[in-house]
């Protein structure tokens, strides 16, 4: 699909959405208005019908009263038949005190039983009854009229039709529907044209630009057209793409620098592992070699040896000294250099470490934070080796929290000569049987899950070489001891303070 097709598709989609957003409220408003009008109109007409029925019932009551006073039943029937011919009156039924019909006009003659029951209820309660009933399959409004005089009681039931209310409502609804349809058609045409010109096309261009940026094309610009908000959005989009292009270049530079730093750290780890092995071998060779050298010298210095034997002893001593020098040179290569050149800013190094570990922490769902003292804090350990110390501790903390957690780097001034760096996590903690071995080279508690067992050993060696110390302490947030199984872990590194200037080994030892 070409870019033009995608842009056209986006334009149609946005135009349709805007069109629907304009029309749906109008449709809902017309529908709600129609429902409200229908209800209010029905109630109004119903109240008018009830008022007319009460008025007609008054006429019936007067007619019954005149006939009863004269005792003329035929006159009563004649008057009821005339009143039953009124407009929208379905009929009138008259009953005596026992509920027997006196007269029931057409077309309600078939409902005489239901009307007689209503008349008896009116006589029993002594009140006029007005209610809506279904007579002959159609809705009707009925009202009773009771007249008693000279021992004669007559109850008339006046029935008014209500079917015309539904017919009137349907007619009104049709008119409202036609008017609403005309309004919707006009609004739809205007909205379709306006939305496409002012919103659809400009927004479609922006959507197409966003899709191109999502594919990695950061040199995209979109036209600044359409409504004011869309023009502002287009300007912001163009500024964003320019900023993204600049950020990508900067990120590539940072990634290159980070890769170089990672290679250096890997090399340092490898050299440290080799150093541990060489130191072990040197110790195992050096100790018995010194014994051989000392005894050969002592035997050679004793009198009475033949010259050939004394020469052999001297040869043993000379070769032992040669091997000692080789071991010494090997140890000098394996032993880390003195780390007390120029000091470093602890907070700066901590920020660099957490920035370097940021992607891994985000992948594991780990949050990081630094709690520095207010004043800058410097230690005598140079920045590269301090980075290695803090990095190893933070990496262990991250690996201890595979399902998310928190890493806190806390910087504190202990006194005028000492500073502390604490790295705390919320992982499972360090079991007591493991805690006593964690600083040993090649010791690891992760088994087949990875780990060389050199990280903490390297940290301990670097810190000790700088005149400091590292220890496992109780975490500030936990309540399970220094290395409980559920309280997390906290490593505290104590180092001599410095001001960032070159410091010799003797000066550092004095600070310690």
Protein backbone atom coordinates (compact mmCIF):
# COMPACT_ATOMS: atom_id res chain seq x y z
CA UNK A 1 0.00 0.00 0.00
CA UNK A 2 1.48 3.35 -1.04
CA UNK A 3 1.81 6.37 1.25
CA UNK A 4 -0.95 8.16 -0.71
CA UNK A 5 -3.33 5.24 -0.20
CA UNK A 6 -2.55 5.09 3.51
CA UNK A 7 -3.06 8.83 3.84
CA UNK A 8 -6.36 8.63 1.94
CA UNK A 9 -7.51 5.77 4.13
CA UNK A 10 -6.59 7.68 7.28
CA UNK A 11 -8.38 10.76 5.94
CA UNK A 12 -11.57 8.79 5.26
CA UNK A 13 -11.40 7.19 8.68
CA UNK A 14 -10.97 10.49 10.52
CA UNK A 15 -13.66 12.19 8.43
CA UNK A 16 -16.09 9.37 9.13
CA UNK A 17 -15.31 9.48 12.85
CA UNK A 18 -15.83 13.24 12.99
CA UNK A 19 -18.99 12.91 10.92
CA UNK A 20 -20.34 10.31 13.33
CA UNK A 21 -19.28 12.41 16.32
CA UNK A 22 -21.40 15.26 14.96
CA UNK A 23 -24.40 13.21 13.85
CA UNK A 24 -24.75 10.78 16.75
CA UNK A 25 -25.41 13.56 19.32
CA UNK A 26 -27.95 15.13 16.96
CA UNK A 27 -29.72 11.80 16.47
CA UNK A 28 -29.75 11.20 20.21
CA UNK A 29 -31.01 14.74 20.86
CA UNK A 30 -33.83 14.39 18.33
CA UNK A 31 -34.77 10.99 19.74
CA UNK A 32 -34.76 12.25 23.32
CA UNK A 33 -36.72 15.32 22.29
CA UNK A 34 -39.27 13.12 20.50
CA UNK A 35 -39.59 10.84 23.52
CA UNK A 36 -40.00 13.81 25.87
CA UNK A 37 -42.55 15.48 23.58
CA UNK A 38 -44.44 12.23 23.18
CA UNK A 39 -44.64 11.71 26.92
CA UNK A 40 -45.57 15.30 27.75
CA UNK A 41 -48.10 15.46 24.91
CA UNK A 42 -49.70 12.21 26.03
CA UNK A 43 -49.91 13.45 29.60
CA UNK A 44 -51.41 16.76 28.47
CA UNK A 45 -54.03 15.09 26.29
CA UNK A 46 -54.76 12.59 29.04
CA UNK A 47 -55.35 15.41 31.54
CA UNK A 48 -57.62 17.21 29.05
CA UNK A 49 -59.62 14.02 28.51
CA UNK A 50 -60.00 13.60 32.27
CA UNK A 51 -61.17 17.22 32.64
CA UNK A 52 -63.71 16.81 29.84
CA UNK A 53 -64.89 13.54 31.38
CA UNK A 54 -65.43 15.20 34.78
CA UNK A 55 -67.38 17.99 33.08
CA UNK A 56 -69.52 15.47 31.22
CA UNK A 57 -70.02 13.50 34.45
CA UNK A 58 -71.40 16.69 36.04
CA UNK A 59 -73.98 16.94 33.28
CA UNK A 60 -74.91 13.30 33.78
CA UNK A 61 -75.27 13.87 37.52
CA UNK A 62 -77.62 16.84 36.93
CA UNK A 63 -79.71 14.84 34.46
CA UNK A 64 -80.00 11.89 36.86
CA UNK A 65 -80.95 14.18 39.73
CA UNK A 66 -83.82 15.81 37.81
CA UNK A 67 -85.25 12.49 36.71
CA UNK A 68 -84.94 10.91 40.16
CA UNK A 69 -86.71 13.84 41.81
CA UNK A 70 -89.66 13.32 39.47
CA UNK A 71 -89.44 9.53 39.79
CA UNK A 72 -89.42 9.21 36.05
CA UNK A 73 -87.24 6.29 34.99
CA UNK A 74 -88.05 6.72 31.33
CA UNK A 75 -86.97 10.34 31.48
CA UNK A 76 -83.74 9.15 33.11
CA UNK A 77 -83.08 6.70 30.26
CA UNK A 78 -83.87 9.34 27.63
CA UNK A 79 -81.47 11.85 29.13
CA UNK A 80 -78.70 9.26 29.49
CA UNK A 81 -79.05 8.24 25.83
CA UNK A 82 -78.78 11.86 24.71
CA UNK A 83 -75.74 12.50 26.85
CA UNK A 84 -74.09 9.30 25.54
CA UNK A 85 -74.09 10.82 22.05
CA UNK A 86 -71.53 13.45 23.03
CA UNK A 87 -68.19 13.61 21.17
CA UNK A 88 -65.63 10.93 22.26
CA UNK A 89 -68.12 9.42 24.74
CA UNK A 90 -68.31 5.69 24.12
CA UNK A 91 -71.38 5.26 26.27
CA UNK A 92 -73.08 5.60 29.65
CA UNK A 93 -74.35 2.84 31.92
CA UNK A 94 -76.79 3.37 34.82
CA UNK A 95 -77.28 0.91 37.69
CA UNK A 96 -79.57 0.79 40.71
CA UNK A 97 -78.51 0.24 44.32
CA UNK A 98 -78.33 -3.53 43.82
CA UNK A 99 -76.08 -3.26 40.78
CA UNK A 100 -78.86 -4.17 38.34
CA UNK A 101 -78.61 -2.30 35.05
CA UNK A 102 -81.14 0.41 34.38
CA UNK A 103 -79.67 1.33 31.01
CA UNK A 104 -76.44 0.47 29.15
CA UNK A 105 -75.95 2.29 25.85
CA UNK A 106 -74.17 0.93 22.82
CA UNK A 107 -71.36 0.17 22.10
CA UNK A 108 -70.52 -0.67 25.72
CA UNK A 109 -73.40 -3.04 26.24
CA UNK A 110 -71.04 -6.00 26.13
CA UNK A 111 -69.05 -4.57 29.08
CA UNK A 112 -72.09 -4.37 31.40
CA UNK A 113 -70.70 -6.87 33.91
CA UNK A 114 -67.40 -4.99 34.31
CA UNK A 115 -69.19 -1.65 34.59
CA UNK A 116 -71.67 -3.11 37.16
CA UNK A 117 -68.72 -4.23 39.30
CA UNK A 118 -67.31 -0.70 39.10
CA UNK A 119 -70.72 0.74 40.12
CA UNK A 120 -70.95 -1.59 43.13
CA UNK A 121 -67.44 -0.55 44.18
CA UNK A 122 -68.48 3.12 43.97
CA UNK A 123 -71.58 2.46 46.14
CA UNK A 124 -69.48 0.53 48.64
CA UNK A 125 -66.82 3.22 49.00
CA UNK A 126 -69.21 6.13 48.72
CA UNK A 127 -66.74 8.01 46.50
CA UNK A 128 -66.49 8.82 42.81
CA UNK A 129 -64.09 6.53 40.93
CA UNK A 130 -62.04 7.60 37.91
CA UNK A 131 -59.64 5.15 36.26
CA UNK A 132 -58.37 3.86 32.92
CA UNK A 133 -59.62 0.48 31.70
CA UNK A 134 -59.54 -1.59 28.53
CA UNK A 135 -63.07 -2.02 27.17
CA UNK A 136 -63.67 -3.84 23.92
CA UNK A 137 -59.91 -4.18 23.35
CA UNK A 138 -59.37 -0.39 23.40
CA UNK A 139 -58.21 1.94 26.18
CA UNK A 140 -60.94 3.99 27.82
CA UNK A 141 -61.34 6.39 30.74
CA UNK A 142 -64.29 5.71 33.07
CA UNK A 143 -65.87 7.77 35.87
CA UNK A 144 -68.72 7.00 38.21
CA UNK A 145 -71.53 9.36 39.27
CA UNK A 146 -73.70 8.43 42.28
CA UNK A 147 -77.05 10.04 43.11
CA UNK A 148 -79.31 9.04 46.04
CA UNK A 149 -82.65 10.59 46.95
CA UNK A 150 -86.07 9.44 48.24
CA UNK A 151 -84.68 5.97 48.86
CA UNK A 152 -83.57 5.57 45.30
CA UNK A 153 -79.84 5.28 44.47
CA UNK A 154 -78.54 5.44 40.92
CA UNK A 155 -74.91 4.98 39.83
CA UNK A 156 -73.95 6.10 36.33
CA UNK A 157 -70.67 5.08 34.69
CA UNK A 158 -69.47 7.45 31.95
CA UNK A 159 -67.00 5.91 29.46
CA UNK A 160 -64.72 8.13 27.33
CA UNK A 161 -62.53 6.76 24.56
CA UNK A 162 -58.71 7.22 24.61
CA UNK A 163 -57.81 5.58 21.31
CA UNK A 164 -57.55 8.97 19.58
CA UNK A 165 -54.55 9.77 21.84
CA UNK A 166 -52.42 7.09 20.19
CA UNK A 167 -53.52 8.14 16.71
CA UNK A 168 -52.66 11.75 17.45
CA UNK A 169 -49.29 10.73 18.90
CA UNK A 170 -48.40 8.66 15.81
CA UNK A 171 -49.26 11.56 13.54
CA UNK A 172 -47.12 13.96 15.61
CA UNK A 173 -44.23 11.50 15.72
CA UNK A 174 -44.26 11.13 11.95
CA UNK A 175 -44.01 14.87 11.55
CA UNK A 176 -41.17 15.07 14.05
CA UNK A 177 -39.36 12.19 12.35
CA UNK A 178 -39.57 13.88 8.95
CA UNK A 179 -38.28 17.15 10.38
CA UNK A 180 -35.45 15.34 12.16
CA UNK A 181 -34.49 13.44 9.01
CA UNK A 182 -34.31 16.67 7.03
CA UNK A 183 -32.17 18.26 9.75
CA UNK A 184 -29.87 15.26 9.87
CA UNK A 185 -29.44 15.17 6.09
CA UNK A 186 -28.51 18.85 5.94
CA UNK A 187 -26.17 18.52 8.91
CA UNK A 188 -24.54 15.42 7.43
CA UNK A 189 -23.75 17.13 4.14
CA UNK A 190 -22.32 20.21 5.81
CA UNK A 191 -20.37 18.17 8.38
CA UNK A 192 -18.91 15.83 5.74
CA UNK A 193 -17.60 18.71 3.62
CA UNK A 194 -16.33 20.79 6.54
CA UNK A 195 -14.72 17.89 8.40
CA UNK A 196 -12.89 16.63 5.33
CA UNK A 197 -11.53 20.07 4.45
CA UNK A 198 -10.59 21.28 7.93
CA UNK A 199 -9.85 18.07 9.83
CA UNK A 200 -9.80 14.95 7.69
CA UNK A 201 -7.05 15.78 5.21
CA UNK A 202 -4.70 17.60 7.64
CA UNK A 203 -5.18 14.92 10.30
CA UNK A 204 -4.67 12.19 7.72
CA UNK A 205 -1.35 13.74 6.74
CA UNK A 206 -0.29 13.81 10.39
CA UNK A 207 -1.36 10.17 10.89
CA UNK A 208 0.61 9.12 7.82
CA UNK A 209 3.61 11.03 9.18
CA UNK A 210 3.30 9.26 12.53
CA UNK A 211 3.22 5.88 10.78
CA UNK A 212 6.39 6.77 8.86
CA UNK A 213 8.09 7.84 12.09
CA UNK A 214 7.03 4.54 13.67
CA UNK A 215 8.86 2.77 10.86
CA UNK A 216 12.01 4.72 11.70
CA UNK A 217 11.81 7.57 9.18
CA UNK A 218 12.71 10.54 11.37
CA UNK A 219 13.16 13.05 8.52
CA UNK A 220 9.39 13.37 8.01
CA UNK A 221 7.62 16.74 7.87
CA UNK A 222 3.86 17.31 7.50
CA UNK A 223 2.07 20.36 6.04
CA UNK A 224 0.79 22.87 8.56
CA UNK A 225 -2.79 23.16 7.28
CA UNK A 226 -6.36 22.84 8.48
CA UNK A 227 -7.83 24.08 11.74
CA UNK A 228 -5.66 26.06 14.13
CA UNK A 229 -5.28 23.13 16.52
CA UNK A 230 -4.14 20.89 13.66
CA UNK A 231 -1.66 23.51 12.46
CA UNK A 232 -0.23 23.68 15.96
CA UNK A 233 -0.14 19.88 16.08
CA UNK A 234 1.69 19.77 12.75
CA UNK A 235 4.26 22.30 14.00
CA UNK A 236 4.73 20.29 17.18
CA UNK A 237 5.06 17.07 15.13
CA UNK A 238 7.75 18.58 12.90
CA UNK A 239 9.62 19.84 15.96
CA UNK A 240 9.29 16.40 17.54
CA UNK A 241 10.75 14.60 14.51
CA UNK A 242 13.69 16.98 14.47
CA UNK A 243 14.22 16.40 18.19
CA UNK A 244 13.94 12.63 17.72
CA UNK A 245 16.54 12.67 14.98
CA UNK A 246 18.88 14.60 17.24
CA UNK A 247 18.13 12.28 20.17
CA UNK A 248 18.80 9.22 18.00
CA UNK A 249 22.23 10.54 17.04
CA UNK A 250 22.98 11.29 20.69
CA UNK A 251 21.73 7.85 21.74
CA UNK A 252 23.90 6.14 19.18
CA UNK A 253 26.90 7.99 20.56
CA UNK A 254 25.97 6.99 24.10
CA UNK A 255 25.47 3.37 23.07
CA UNK A 256 28.89 3.33 21.44
CA UNK A 257 30.46 4.78 24.59
CA UNK A 258 28.51 2.33 26.75
CA UNK A 259 29.62 -0.59 24.60
CA UNK A 260 33.22 0.54 24.97
CA UNK A 261 32.77 0.82 28.74
CA UNK A 262 31.18 -2.60 28.86
CA UNK A 263 34.08 -4.08 26.98
CA UNK A 264 36.45 -2.48 29.47
CA UNK A 265 34.48 -3.91 32.37
CA UNK A 266 34.45 -7.36 30.82
CA UNK A 267 38.18 -7.11 30.34
CA UNK A 268 38.60 -6.02 33.94
CA UNK A 269 36.50 -8.96 35.11
CA UNK A 270 38.60 -11.35 33.05
CA UNK A 271 41.85 -9.86 34.33
CA UNK A 272 40.59 -10.03 37.88
CA UNK A 273 39.69 -13.71 37.48
CA UNK A 274 43.10 -14.39 36.03
CA UNK A 275 44.65 -12.45 38.90
CA UNK A 276 42.87 -14.60 41.47
CA UNK A 277 44.13 -17.75 39.78
CA UNK A 278 47.68 -16.40 39.44
CA UNK A 279 47.72 -15.26 43.06
CA UNK A 280 46.62 -18.70 44.19
CA UNK A 281 49.27 -20.40 42.07
CA UNK A 282 51.92 -17.92 43.24
CA UNK A 283 51.07 -18.61 46.85
CA UNK A 284 51.15 -22.38 46.37
CA UNK A 285 54.53 -22.19 44.56
CA UNK A 286 56.11 -19.38 46.58
CA UNK A 287 55.69 -20.88 50.02
CA UNK A 288 57.48 -24.22 49.43
CA UNK A 289 59.99 -22.48 47.17
CA UNK A 290 61.03 -20.12 49.98
CA UNK A 291 61.51 -23.14 52.22
CA UNK A 292 63.73 -24.84 49.62
CA UNK A 293 65.73 -21.63 49.11
CA UNK A 294 66.28 -21.04 52.84
CA UNK A 295 67.37 -24.60 53.55
CA UNK A 296 69.70 -24.70 50.53
CA UNK A 297 71.38 -21.50 51.71
CA UNK A 298 71.68 -22.78 55.25
CA UNK A 299 73.19 -26.08 54.13
CA UNK A 300 75.56 -24.35 51.74
CA UNK A 301 76.85 -22.09 54.54
CA UNK A 302 77.73 -25.01 56.79
CA UNK A 303 81.47 -25.96 56.77
CA UNK A 304 82.83 -29.34 55.76
CA UNK A 305 80.95 -29.81 52.52
CA UNK A 306 82.91 -30.96 49.51
CA UNK A 307 83.14 -28.30 46.84
CA UNK A 308 81.05 -30.36 44.42
CA UNK A 309 78.29 -30.71 46.99
CA UNK A 310 78.50 -27.01 47.96
CA UNK A 311 78.25 -26.16 44.25
CA UNK A 312 75.13 -28.26 43.89
CA UNK A 313 73.58 -26.50 46.90
CA UNK A 314 74.43 -23.10 45.42
CA UNK A 315 72.85 -24.19 42.14
CA UNK A 316 69.67 -25.16 44.00
CA UNK A 317 69.61 -21.79 45.80
CA UNK A 318 70.33 -19.82 42.62
CA UNK A 319 67.59 -21.54 40.62
CA UNK A 320 65.16 -21.15 43.53
CA UNK A 321 65.89 -17.42 43.56
CA UNK A 322 65.30 -17.34 39.80
CA UNK A 323 61.91 -19.07 40.22
CA UNK A 324 61.02 -16.63 43.05
CA UNK A 325 61.76 -13.69 40.76
CA UNK A 326 59.55 -15.20 38.04
CA UNK A 327 56.70 -15.67 40.55
CA UNK A 328 57.21 -12.11 41.84
CA UNK A 329 56.98 -10.71 38.31
CA UNK A 330 53.88 -12.83 37.67
CA UNK A 331 52.23 -11.52 40.85
CA UNK A 332 53.14 -7.95 39.99
CA UNK A 333 51.26 -8.35 36.72
CA UNK A 334 48.23 -10.06 38.34
CA UNK A 335 48.02 -7.77 41.38
CA UNK A 336 45.77 -4.71 40.78
CA UNK A 337 47.61 -1.40 40.63
CA UNK A 338 47.43 1.11 43.45
CA UNK A 339 44.05 2.80 43.14
CA UNK A 340 44.81 6.07 44.90
CA UNK A 341 45.56 8.39 42.01
CA UNK A 342 42.89 11.07 41.59
CA UNK A 343 39.75 10.85 43.74
CA UNK A 344 36.20 10.75 42.40
CA UNK A 345 32.74 12.21 42.98
CA UNK A 346 30.65 9.37 44.41
CA UNK A 347 27.27 10.79 43.34
CA UNK A 348 28.46 11.26 39.75
CA UNK A 349 29.74 7.69 39.56
CA UNK A 350 26.51 6.34 41.09
CA UNK A 351 24.45 8.18 38.48
CA UNK A 352 26.61 6.75 35.70
CA UNK A 353 26.20 3.21 37.06
CA UNK A 354 22.40 3.45 37.34
CA UNK A 355 22.20 5.00 33.89
CA UNK A 356 24.28 2.14 32.49
CA UNK A 357 22.06 -0.45 34.20
CA UNK A 358 18.87 1.42 33.30
CA UNK A 359 17.72 -0.84 30.41
CA UNK A 360 18.18 -4.04 32.43
CA UNK A 361 16.41 -2.54 35.46
CA UNK A 362 13.48 -1.39 33.34
CA UNK A 363 13.22 -4.83 31.77
CA UNK A 364 13.03 -6.42 35.21
CA UNK A 365 10.62 -3.77 36.57
CA UNK A 366 13.17 -2.36 39.05
CA UNK A 367 13.13 1.27 40.18
CA UNK A 368 16.38 2.99 41.14
CA UNK A 369 17.14 6.00 43.28
CA UNK A 370 20.10 7.78 44.90
CA UNK A 371 20.01 9.26 48.38
CA UNK A 372 23.01 11.59 48.51
CA UNK A 373 24.09 13.94 51.25
CA UNK A 374 23.53 17.61 50.54
CA UNK A 375 27.23 18.47 50.02
CA UNK A 376 29.36 16.80 47.32
CA UNK A 377 31.06 13.61 48.49
CA UNK A 378 34.51 12.55 47.22
CA UNK A 379 36.56 9.45 48.00
CA UNK A 380 40.19 8.61 47.25
CA UNK A 381 39.29 5.73 44.87
CA UNK A 382 39.53 6.80 41.23
CA UNK A 383 36.37 7.00 39.12
CA UNK A 384 37.03 3.91 37.00
CA UNK A 385 37.57 1.58 39.93
CA UNK A 386 34.78 3.17 41.98
CA UNK A 387 32.49 2.59 38.98
CA UNK A 388 33.52 -1.07 39.02
CA UNK A 389 32.75 -1.35 42.74
CA UNK A 390 29.30 0.28 42.55
CA UNK A 391 28.49 -1.51 39.28
CA UNK A 392 29.13 -4.98 40.71
CA UNK A 393 27.00 -4.27 43.79
CA UNK A 394 24.11 -2.82 41.74
CA UNK A 395 24.31 -5.68 39.22
CA UNK A 396 24.04 -8.23 42.05
CA UNK A 397 21.03 -6.30 43.41
CA UNK A 398 19.34 -6.33 40.00
CA UNK A 399 19.96 -10.05 39.50
CA UNK A 400 18.46 -10.74 42.96
CA UNK A 401 15.16 -9.14 41.86
CA UNK A 402 14.10 -10.81 38.57
CA UNK A 403 10.41 -9.96 39.12
CA UNK A 404 10.77 -6.29 40.02
CA UNK A 405 11.87 -4.35 43.07
CA UNK A 406 14.01 -1.40 44.02
CA UNK A 407 17.70 -0.49 44.17
CA UNK A 408 18.76 2.33 46.48
CA UNK A 409 22.27 3.79 46.42
CA UNK A 410 22.77 5.69 49.67
CA UNK A 411 25.76 8.05 50.15
CA UNK A 412 26.75 9.13 53.68
CA UNK A 413 29.58 10.96 55.41
CA UNK A 414 30.67 8.99 58.44
CA UNK A 415 33.15 11.55 59.77
CA UNK A 416 35.82 13.92 58.50
CA UNK A 417 37.88 11.08 57.06
CA UNK A 418 35.44 8.34 56.10
CA UNK A 419 32.51 8.03 53.66
CA UNK A 420 30.04 5.17 53.18
CA UNK A 421 28.28 3.92 50.06
CA UNK A 422 25.33 1.59 50.65
CA UNK A 423 23.63 -0.42 47.90
CA UNK A 424 20.31 -1.81 49.10
CA UNK A 425 17.74 -4.01 47.35
CA UNK A 426 14.38 -5.61 48.17
CA UNK A 427 15.29 -9.11 47.01
CA UNK A 428 15.17 -12.36 48.99
CA UNK A 429 18.25 -11.45 51.04
CA UNK A 430 21.40 -13.46 51.73
CA UNK A 431 21.04 -16.65 53.82
CA UNK A 432 23.41 -16.88 56.83
CA UNK A 433 25.20 -19.93 55.46
CA UNK A 434 25.99 -18.00 52.26
CA UNK A 435 26.87 -14.67 53.88
CA UNK A 436 30.13 -15.94 55.34
CA UNK A 437 31.44 -16.95 51.88
CA UNK A 438 30.14 -14.18 49.61
CA UNK A 439 33.48 -12.36 49.36
CA UNK A 440 35.41 -15.47 48.43
CA UNK A 441 36.61 -15.73 44.84
CA UNK A 442 34.67 -18.15 42.62
CA UNK A 443 31.98 -18.66 45.26
CA UNK A 444 28.46 -18.25 43.87
CA UNK A 445 25.00 -19.08 45.24
CA UNK A 446 23.29 -18.98 41.81
CA UNK A 447 24.45 -22.43 40.74
CA UNK A 448 23.55 -23.15 37.12
CA UNK A 449 21.73 -19.80 36.80
CA UNK A 450 24.97 -18.05 35.92
CA UNK A 451 27.57 -16.10 37.88
CA UNK A 452 31.33 -16.54 38.17
CA UNK A 453 31.62 -15.81 41.88
CA UNK A 454 34.12 -12.99 41.21
CA UNK A 455 31.95 -9.85 41.47
CA UNK A 456 32.02 -9.39 45.24
CA UNK A 457 35.59 -10.70 45.42
CA UNK A 458 36.66 -7.99 42.96
CA UNK A 459 34.75 -5.38 44.98
CA UNK A 460 36.40 -6.51 48.20
CA UNK A 461 39.85 -6.47 46.61
CA UNK A 462 39.47 -3.00 45.09
CA UNK A 463 38.06 -1.52 48.29
CA UNK A 464 40.70 -3.15 50.47
CA UNK A 465 43.47 -1.89 48.14
CA UNK A 466 42.10 1.64 48.58
CA UNK A 467 42.22 1.36 52.37
CA UNK A 468 38.53 0.74 52.89
CA UNK A 469 36.18 -2.11 53.72
CA UNK A 470 32.97 -3.73 52.46
CA UNK A 471 30.42 -5.60 54.56
CA UNK A 472 26.89 -6.97 54.51
CA UNK A 473 24.64 -4.96 56.87
CA UNK A 474 20.98 -4.88 57.83
CA UNK A 475 18.76 -3.15 55.22
CA UNK A 476 17.06 0.01 56.44
CA UNK A 477 13.58 -1.09 55.18
CA UNK A 478 13.64 -4.65 56.50
CA UNK A 479 12.98 -6.11 59.90
CA UNK A 480 14.58 -9.52 59.42
CA UNK A 481 18.19 -8.92 60.26
CA UNK A 482 21.21 -8.23 58.12
CA UNK A 483 20.77 -11.17 55.89
CA UNK A 484 17.34 -12.63 56.54
CA UNK A 485 15.57 -14.56 53.87
CA UNK A 486 12.91 -11.88 53.31
CA UNK A 487 14.45 -8.53 54.26
CA UNK A 488 16.52 -7.74 51.18
CA UNK A 489 20.26 -7.14 51.23
CA UNK A 490 22.42 -4.09 51.89
CA UNK A 491 26.17 -3.85 51.19
CA UNK A 492 28.10 -0.98 52.79
CA UNK A 493 31.41 0.17 51.30
CA UNK A 494 33.55 2.38 53.55
CA UNK A 495 36.29 4.42 51.86
CA UNK A 496 38.65 7.23 52.85
CA UNK A 497 37.32 10.63 51.82
CA UNK A 498 39.21 12.77 49.33
CA UNK A 499 38.84 16.08 47.51
CA UNK A 500 39.38 14.87 43.98
CA UNK A 501 43.12 15.65 43.96
CA UNK A 502 45.92 13.09 43.40
CA UNK A 503 46.67 11.25 46.64
CA UNK A 504 49.53 8.89 47.24
CA UNK A 505 49.31 5.50 48.82
CA UNK A 506 50.87 6.65 52.09
CA UNK A 507 48.47 9.57 52.37
CA UNK A 508 45.55 7.25 51.84
CA UNK A 509 46.85 4.85 54.46
CA UNK A 510 47.09 7.80 56.88
CA UNK A 511 43.45 8.68 56.16
CA UNK A 512 42.48 5.10 56.81
